[in-house]
Every structure is written in C-alpha cells, then in structure tokens.
C-alpha atoms as a PDB file:
ATOM      1  CA  MET A   1      -0.035   0.047   0.091  1.00  0.00           C
ATOM      2  CA  HIS A   2       1.310   3.301  -1.135  1.00  0.00           C
ATOM      3  CA  PHE A   3       0.823   6.075   1.664  1.00  0.00           C
ATOM      4  CA  SER A   4       0.482   9.666   0.379  1.00  0.00           C
ATOM      5  CA  LYS A   5       2.353  12.251   2.835  1.00  0.00           C
ATOM      6  CA  LEU A   6       0.844  15.679   4.231  1.00  0.00           C
ATOM      7  CA  LEU A   7       3.295  17.849   5.927  1.00  0.00           C
ATOM      8  CA  ALA A   8       1.332  21.161   5.665  1.00  0.00           C
ATOM      9  CA  PHE A   9       1.307  21.134   9.546  1.00  0.00           C
ATOM     10  CA  ALA A  10       3.837  23.852   9.789  1.00  0.00           C
ATOM     11  CA  GLY A  11       2.015  27.321  10.665  1.00  0.00           C
ATOM     12  CA  LEU A  12      -1.366  25.419  11.109  1.00  0.00           C
ATOM     13  CA  ALA A  13      -1.548  25.718  14.757  1.00  0.00           C
ATOM     14  CA  ALA A  14      -3.037  29.246  14.733  1.00  0.00           C
ATOM     15  CA  ALA A  15      -5.374  28.900  11.665  1.00  0.00           C
ATOM     16  CA  LEU A  16      -7.927  27.148  13.418  1.00  0.00           C
ATOM     17  CA  PRO A  17      -9.530  28.534  16.733  1.00  0.00           C
ATOM     18  CA  ALA A  18      -9.008  26.617  20.120  1.00  0.00           C
ATOM     19  CA  GLN A  19     -11.905  24.125  20.759  1.00  0.00           C
ATOM     20  CA  GLU A  20     -13.837  24.786  23.719  1.00  0.00           C
ATOM     21  CA  GLU A  21     -16.164  21.556  23.954  1.00  0.00           C
ATOM     22  CA  PRO A  22     -13.355  19.233  24.925  1.00  0.00           C
ATOM     23  CA  ARG A  23     -11.818  21.413  27.611  1.00  0.00           C
ATOM     24  CA  GLN A  24     -13.695  20.101  30.172  1.00  0.00           C
ATOM     25  CA  TYR A  25     -12.541  16.506  29.500  1.00  0.00           C
ATOM     26  CA  LEU A  26      -8.881  17.187  29.004  1.00  0.00           C
ATOM     27  CA  ASN A  27      -6.305  16.248  31.590  1.00  0.00           C
ATOM     28  CA  ALA A  28      -3.493  18.924  31.798  1.00  0.00           C
ATOM     29  CA  GLY A  29      -0.828  18.547  29.236  1.00  0.00           C
ATOM     30  CA  PRO A  30       2.326  19.883  27.438  1.00  0.00           C
ATOM     31  CA  SER A  31       2.167  23.608  27.070  1.00  0.00           C
ATOM     32  CA  GLY A  32       1.849  23.286  23.456  1.00  0.00           C
ATOM     33  CA  HIS A  33       5.386  24.627  22.288  1.00  0.00           C
ATOM     34  CA  GLU A  34       6.901  21.619  23.261  1.00  0.00           C
ATOM     35  CA  VAL A  35       4.601  19.335  20.720  1.00  0.00           C
ATOM     36  CA  GLN A  36       4.847  18.768  17.010  1.00  0.00           C
ATOM     37  CA  ILE A  37       2.820  16.970  14.383  1.00  0.00           C
ATOM     38  CA  THR A  38       5.781  15.856  12.350  1.00  0.00           C
ATOM     39  CA  GLY A  39       3.947  14.099   9.388  1.00  0.00           C
ATOM     40  CA  ILE A  40       0.625  12.567   8.521  1.00  0.00           C
ATOM     41  CA  ALA A  41       0.408   9.916   5.637  1.00  0.00           C
ATOM     42  CA  PHE A  42      -2.806   8.413   4.198  1.00  0.00           C
ATOM     43  CA  ALA A  43      -3.922   5.758   1.751  1.00  0.00           C
ATOM     44  CA  GLY A  44      -6.904   4.034   0.709  1.00  0.00           C
ATOM     45  CA  SER A  45      -9.550   3.961  -1.897  1.00  0.00           C
ATOM     46  CA  GLY A  46     -11.289   6.847   0.079  1.00  0.00           C
ATOM     47  CA  CYS A  47      -8.529   9.158   0.451  1.00  0.00           C
ATOM     48  CA  PRO A  48      -6.287   9.219  -2.803  1.00  0.00           C
ATOM     49  CA  ALA A  49      -3.036  11.292  -3.096  1.00  0.00           C
ATOM     50  CA  GLY A  50      -4.154  14.668  -2.997  1.00  0.00           C
ATOM     51  CA  SER A  51      -7.746  14.391  -1.442  1.00  0.00           C
ATOM     52  CA  VAL A  52      -7.060  15.166   2.333  1.00  0.00           C
ATOM     53  CA  SER A  53      -6.136  18.422   4.115  1.00  0.00           C
ATOM     54  CA  GLY A  54      -5.510  19.370   7.908  1.00  0.00           C
ATOM     55  CA  GLN A  55      -5.247  21.670  10.574  1.00  0.00           C
ATOM     56  CA  LEU A  56      -4.053  21.741  14.083  1.00  0.00           C
ATOM     57  CA  SER A  57      -5.898  23.773  16.923  1.00  0.00           C
ATOM     58  CA  SER A  58      -3.739  26.446  18.574  1.00  0.00           C
ATOM     59  CA  ASP A  59      -4.337  24.508  21.698  1.00  0.00           C
ATOM     60  CA  LEU A  60      -2.832  21.460  20.120  1.00  0.00           C
ATOM     61  CA  THR A  61      -5.826  19.124  21.091  1.00  0.00           C
ATOM     62  CA  THR A  62      -7.627  19.191  17.961  1.00  0.00           C
ATOM     63  CA  ILE A  63      -7.066  17.861  14.551  1.00  0.00           C
ATOM     64  CA  THR A  64      -9.106  18.347  11.888  1.00  0.00           C
ATOM     65  CA  LEU A  65      -9.065  16.447   8.462  1.00  0.00           C
ATOM     66  CA  LEU A  66     -10.935  17.275   5.378  1.00  0.00           C
ATOM     67  CA  TYR A  67     -11.599  14.557   2.913  1.00  0.00           C
ATOM     68  CA  THR A  68     -12.997  15.106  -0.861  1.00  0.00           C
ATOM     69  CA  SER A  69     -13.331  11.448  -2.096  1.00  0.00           C
ATOM     70  CA  PHE A  70     -14.541   9.768   0.992  1.00  0.00           C
ATOM     71  CA  VAL A  71     -17.694   8.568  -1.016  1.00  0.00           C
ATOM     72  CA  ALA A  72     -19.420   5.014  -0.963  1.00  0.00           C
ATOM     73  CA  GLN A  73     -22.138   4.251  -3.818  1.00  0.00           C
ATOM     74  CA  SER A  74     -24.541   1.661  -4.861  1.00  0.00           C
ATOM     75  CA  GLY A  75     -26.733   1.497  -7.523  1.00  0.00           C
ATOM     76  CA  LYS A  76     -27.465  -0.260 -10.978  1.00  0.00           C
ATOM     77  CA  GLY A  77     -24.320  -0.538 -12.867  1.00  0.00           C
ATOM     78  CA  LEU A  78     -22.088   0.209 -10.118  1.00  0.00           C
ATOM     79  CA  SER A  79     -19.130  -2.057  -9.494  1.00  0.00           C
ATOM     80  CA  ALA A  80     -18.710  -3.632  -5.835  1.00  0.00           C
ATOM     81  CA  SER A  81     -15.668  -1.361  -5.319  1.00  0.00           C
ATOM     82  CA  ASN A  82     -18.034   1.546  -5.090  1.00  0.00           C
ATOM     83  CA  TYR A  83     -19.953   0.266  -2.227  1.00  0.00           C
ATOM     84  CA  ARG A  84     -16.734   0.399   0.397  1.00  0.00           C
ATOM     85  CA  LYS A  85     -14.612   3.045   0.579  1.00  0.00           C
ATOM     86  CA  ASN A  86     -11.832   2.943   3.191  1.00  0.00           C
ATOM     87  CA  CYS A  87      -8.647   5.328   4.512  1.00  0.00           C
ATOM     88  CA  GLN A  88      -5.855   4.358   6.678  1.00  0.00           C
ATOM     89  CA  LEU A  89      -4.514   7.329   8.269  1.00  0.00           C
ATOM     90  CA  ASN A  90      -1.189   7.468  10.356  1.00  0.00           C
ATOM     91  CA  VAL A  91      -0.390  10.580  12.225  1.00  0.00           C
ATOM     92  CA  LYS A  92       3.146  11.046  13.937  1.00  0.00           C
ATOM     93  CA  LEU A  93       3.267  13.282  16.661  1.00  0.00           C
ATOM     94  CA  LYS A  94       6.655  14.367  18.690  1.00  0.00           C
ATOM     95  CA  TYR A  95       5.875  15.293  22.255  1.00  0.00           C
ATOM     96  CA  PRO A  96       8.030  15.764  25.558  1.00  0.00           C
ATOM     97  CA  SER A  97       9.161  12.691  27.330  1.00  0.00           C
ATOM     98  CA  GLY A  98       7.386  11.493  30.182  1.00  0.00           C
ATOM     99  CA  TRP A  99       3.801  12.194  28.410  1.00  0.00           C
ATOM    100  CA  GLN A 100       1.630   9.889  26.186  1.00  0.00           C
ATOM    101  CA  PHE A 101      -1.248  10.839  24.273  1.00  0.00           C
ATOM    102  CA  SER A 102      -4.316   9.498  23.167  1.00  0.00           C
ATOM    103  CA  VAL A 103      -7.422   9.954  20.696  1.00  0.00           C
ATOM    104  CA  PHE A 104     -10.506  10.948  23.350  1.00  0.00           C
ATOM    105  CA  LYS A 105     -13.128  11.805  21.065  1.00  0.00           C
ATOM    106  CA  ALA A 106     -13.726  11.786  17.391  1.00  0.00           C
ATOM    107  CA  ASP A 107     -16.707  13.680  15.413  1.00  0.00           C
ATOM    108  CA  TYR A 108     -17.629  11.967  11.573  1.00  0.00           C
ATOM    109  CA  ARG A 109     -19.916  14.307   9.987  1.00  0.00           C
ATOM    110  CA  GLY A 110     -21.670  13.150   7.110  1.00  0.00           C
ATOM    111  CA  TYR A 111     -24.665  12.681   4.639  1.00  0.00           C
ATOM    112  CA  ALA A 112     -26.603   9.255   3.893  1.00  0.00           C
ATOM    113  CA  GLN A 113     -28.918   8.459   1.151  1.00  0.00           C
ATOM    114  CA  ILE A 114     -29.928   4.781   1.883  1.00  0.00           C
ATOM    115  CA  SER A 115     -33.234   2.930   0.575  1.00  0.00           C
ATOM    116  CA  SER A 116     -35.369   0.743   2.480  1.00  0.00           C
ATOM    117  CA  GLY A 117     -33.916  -2.684   3.011  1.00  0.00           C
ATOM    118  CA  ASP A 118     -30.231  -1.578   2.484  1.00  0.00           C
ATOM    119  CA  THR A 119     -27.405  -0.646   5.381  1.00  0.00           C
ATOM    120  CA  GLY A 120     -24.883   1.892   5.554  1.00  0.00           C
ATOM    121  CA  THR A 121     -21.958   1.249   7.893  1.00  0.00           C
ATOM    122  CA  CYS A 122     -19.503   3.839   9.181  1.00  0.00           C
ATOM    123  CA  LYS A 123     -16.685   2.170  11.038  1.00  0.00           C
ATOM    124  CA  ALA A 124     -13.282   3.447  12.922  1.00  0.00           C
ATOM    125  CA  THR A 125     -10.476   1.824  14.298  1.00  0.00           C
ATOM    126  CA  TYR A 126      -7.662   3.419  16.332  1.00  0.00           C
ATOM    127  CA  TYR A 127      -4.325   1.750  17.348  1.00  0.00           C
ATOM    128  CA  PHE A 128      -0.666   2.711  17.973  1.00  0.00           C
ATOM    129  CA  SER A 129       2.115   1.122  15.725  1.00  0.00           C
ATOM    130  CA  GLY A 130       3.761  -1.737  17.977  1.00  0.00           C
ATOM    131  CA  ASP A 131       0.944  -2.097  20.055  1.00  0.00           C
ATOM    132  CA  SER A 132      -1.711  -4.755  19.705  1.00  0.00           C
ATOM    133  CA  THR A 133      -4.311  -2.681  21.506  1.00  0.00           C
ATOM    134  CA  GLN A 134      -7.336  -1.255  19.562  1.00  0.00           C
ATOM    135  CA  VAL A 135     -10.353   0.349  19.885  1.00  0.00           C
ATOM    136  CA  THR A 136     -13.215   0.076  17.119  1.00  0.00           C
ATOM    137  CA  SER A 137     -16.373   1.871  16.883  1.00  0.00           C
ATOM    138  CA  THR A 138     -19.297   1.311  14.325  1.00  0.00           C
ATOM    139  CA  LEU A 139     -22.380   3.260  13.424  1.00  0.00           C
ATOM    140  CA  THR A 140     -25.078   1.532  11.293  1.00  0.00           C
ATOM    141  CA  ILE A 141     -27.536   3.231   9.717  1.00  0.00           C
ATOM    142  CA  ARG A 142     -30.692   1.071   8.280  1.00  0.00           C
ATOM    143  CA  GLY A 143     -33.193   2.431   5.117  1.00  0.00           C
ATOM    144  CA  PRO A 144     -34.945   4.261   4.653  1.00  0.00           C
ATOM    145  CA  TYR A 145     -32.895   6.960   5.555  1.00  0.00           C
ATOM    146  CA  ASP A 146     -32.204  10.408   3.582  1.00  0.00           C
ATOM    147  CA  ASP A 147     -30.624  13.071   6.020  1.00  0.00           C
ATOM    148  CA  ASN A 148     -26.958  14.299   7.745  1.00  0.00           C
ATOM    149  CA  TYR A 149     -25.548  12.062  10.455  1.00  0.00           C
ATOM    150  CA  LEU A 150     -23.371  12.633  13.291  1.00  0.00           C
ATOM    151  CA  LYS A 151     -20.981   9.914  14.415  1.00  0.00           C
ATOM    152  CA  THR A 152     -18.929  10.561  17.782  1.00  0.00           C
ATOM    153  CA  ASP A 153     -16.721   8.183  19.277  1.00  0.00           C
ATOM    154  CA  GLN A 154     -15.531   9.113  22.762  1.00  0.00           C
ATOM    155  CA  PHE A 155     -13.812   6.468  24.899  1.00  0.00           C
ATOM    156  CA  GLY A 156     -13.340   6.130  28.765  1.00  0.00           C
ATOM    157  CA  VAL A 157     -10.002   5.742  30.034  1.00  0.00           C
ATOM    158  CA  GLN A 158     -10.799   1.947  30.200  1.00  0.00           C
ATOM    159  CA  SER A 159     -10.919   1.186  26.491  1.00  0.00           C
ATOM    160  CA  THR A 160      -8.703   4.531  25.168  1.00  0.00           C
ATOM    161  CA  VAL A 161      -5.609   3.244  23.404  1.00  0.00           C
ATOM    162  CA  TRP A 162      -2.420   5.183  24.760  1.00  0.00           C
ATOM    163  CA  SER A 163       0.936   6.016  22.827  1.00  0.00           C
ATOM    164  CA  PRO A 164       4.215   4.352  23.826  1.00  0.00           C
ATOM    165  CA  CYS A 165       6.164   6.481  26.402  1.00  0.00           C
ATOM    166  CA  GLY A 166       8.713   8.282  24.784  1.00  0.00           C
ATOM    167  CA  LEU A 167       9.299  10.956  22.381  1.00  0.00           C
ATOM    168  CA  GLU A 168       7.339   9.979  19.335  1.00  0.00           C
ATOM    169  CA  GLY A 169       4.202   7.974  18.593  1.00  0.00           C
ATOM    170  CA  LEU A 170       2.449   6.957  15.370  1.00  0.00           C
ATOM    171  CA  LEU A 171      -1.304   7.247  15.665  1.00  0.00           C
ATOM    172  CA  ASN A 172      -3.096   4.780  13.148  1.00  0.00           C
ATOM    173  CA  ILE A 173      -6.891   5.409  12.358  1.00  0.00           C
ATOM    174  CA  ASN A 174      -8.589   3.206   9.827  1.00  0.00           C
ATOM    175  CA  SER A 175     -11.677   4.241   8.832  1.00  0.00           C
ATOM    176  CA  GLU A 176     -14.165   2.874   6.396  1.00  0.00           C
ATOM    177  CA  VAL A 177     -17.786   3.623   4.899  1.00  0.00           C
ATOM    178  CA  ARG A 178     -19.665   0.562   3.316  1.00  0.00           C
ATOM    179  CA  LEU A 179     -23.147   0.044   1.938  1.00  0.00           C
ATOM    180  CA  SER A 180     -24.938  -2.977   1.698  1.00  0.00           C
ATOM    181  CA  PRO A 181     -26.046  -5.611   0.278  1.00  0.00           C
ATOM    182  CA  ALA A 182     -22.870  -5.112  -2.282  1.00  0.00           C
ATOM    183  CA  ASP A 183     -25.678  -6.238  -5.037  1.00  0.00           C
ATOM    184  CA  SER A 184     -28.416  -4.001  -4.301  1.00  0.00           C
ATOM    185  CA  ASN A 185     -29.617  -2.293  -7.360  1.00  0.00           C
ATOM    186  CA  LYS A 186     -31.392   0.401  -5.341  1.00  0.00           C
ATOM    187  CA  ALA A 187     -29.201   3.957  -5.600  1.00  0.00           C
ATOM    188  CA  GLY A 188     -27.364   4.711  -2.528  1.00  0.00           C
ATOM    189  CA  LEU A 189     -25.013   7.421  -1.045  1.00  0.00           C
ATOM    190  CA  LEU A 190     -22.645   7.284   2.163  1.00  0.00           C
ATOM    191  CA  THR A 191     -20.400  10.496   2.216  1.00  0.00           C
ATOM    192  CA  VAL A 192     -19.804  13.103   4.734  1.00  0.00           C
ATOM    193  CA  ASP A 193     -21.322  16.413   3.898  1.00  0.00           C
ATOM    194  CA  SER A 194     -24.303  17.013   2.031  1.00  0.00           C
ATOM    195  CA  THR A 195     -23.211  20.260   0.824  1.00  0.00           C
ATOM    196  CA  ASP A 196     -19.601  19.848  -0.620  1.00  0.00           C
ATOM    197  CA  LEU A 197     -18.910  15.880  -0.587  1.00  0.00           C
ATOM    198  CA  ARG A 198     -16.150  16.525   1.996  1.00  0.00           C
ATOM    199  CA  PHE A 199     -15.493  14.172   4.891  1.00  0.00           C
ATOM    200  CA  LYS A 200     -15.046  16.071   8.154  1.00  0.00           C
ATOM    201  CA  GLN A 201     -13.176  14.383  11.027  1.00  0.00           C
ATOM    202  CA  ILE A 202     -12.302  16.080  14.485  1.00  0.00           C
ATOM    203  CA  HIS A 203      -9.822  13.908  16.701  1.00  0.00           C
ATOM    204  CA  TYR A 204      -9.499  15.289  20.309  1.00  0.00           C
ATOM    205  CA  LEU A 205      -5.971  14.288  22.112  1.00  0.00           C
ATOM    206  CA  GLN A 206      -6.043  13.419  25.670  1.00  0.00           C
ATOM    207  CA  TRP A 207      -2.762  13.681  27.736  1.00  0.00           C
ATOM    208  CA  GLN A 208      -1.339  11.696  30.757  1.00  0.00           C
ATOM    209  CA  LYS A 209       1.836  11.343  32.450  1.00  0.00           C
ATOM    210  CA  CYS A 210       3.781   8.378  31.980  1.00  0.00           C
ATOM    211  CA  ASN A 211       4.030   5.984  35.033  1.00  0.00           C
ATOM    212  CA  LYS A 212       7.663   6.105  36.427  1.00  0.00           C
ATOM    213  CA  LYS A 213       9.442   2.348  36.724  1.00  0.00           C
ATOM    214  CA  ILE A 214      10.852   1.783  40.029  1.00  0.00           C
END
C-alpha cells in the first residue's frame, strides 16, 4: 500500500481557533510549545493522493481532517468497489518525554441516502504502531434514510489506547464507509457532507503522564 504524505502542518497551529468543547474532559498536558505534528500519511480508496487536508488547533488538542473523495455509492451498473471506501491514516506526533497521548473523542459528520432494506456502515479502528491494543466503533444506518448524520466516538479511560511513553508516537486510524448488500440495485450514497461532499473528522487528544518505573 502506497501512502501519500501531508506535511503542511507547520504554521497551522493558529489557523483553527481553539476548541472549547473538549476542555472539560482533558487532563493537563504539555504547554503546546513542546508538541509538534511531524507528519501525516494516508492511503486507501477513500483518500487518494491530493484529497486530504488538515489543521491543528492552537491548543494542540484537536486535529481536523478534510476529505474530498470519501464516498461510497450503490446502484445499478456500479461495481462492488464503489460500495466500500476506506482510509488508513497515520499521524506522527512528537511530544515531551514523560507524556503519552490518545484519541479521546472523534466526530464524523456526513450525509446518507439509503433505500429501504439497505444498510450503511461507518466504522473506525484506532491503534498505535507497535501495540496490539485497538479500539473500534461502528455506526449502522438502516434505510430508508435521507439526512445528515453525526457519529461521535468518545472513549473512557478503560477503553482508550495510549501512545508509547517516549518522544514520538504513530497514531493509526483505519476508517471506512460501506453500503450493503453489495449487489443492491437500489441507488444509495454514504458520504460526509451533503453540501460539498467533503468528509470532516475532528480528533481530540487526551494527555497523561507516564508511570515511572521503579
């Protein structure tokens, strides 16, 4: 699998206003001057090269990702590959020694047009490279449905995956949208923005201090 890289995060810290919503949930973390996103790579049928952009909030707790090609479609004459789209995202974050971070909350906003008897699925799996621990969430939309949707993943401490203790962590997010049955002749659409067909994800970061080894 060939990954495209998006390295346009320098200078984006001030491009997006600080998000107020997650503040009540977040532990005290690094000051912000010590944390850097050093790279982001993506690959998949839902995020071909040139189709992903991103912004980092000024308080470094929120990463906003925009997709232009994350669209699953069903209907007469469409091949099976149109019924499912996926995106494997790798976010590399450099942070101070003695701290860990995790995905605390993720919002997925989109649009679904699903016929009676058909089903749409939005699924996301979170994990860190080198760690077998994973967290998966799934939203199922049953037809008939013709409206916007919001999928919110919010994990408790017991179900949150944490980065390794150290200076760098590689966060992997494998997400997909799928329409079924795969042989349906009914027209269907599962995307993420009814206005411009853009997929918007907001991932909130949670920090904790590493436990000292005796």
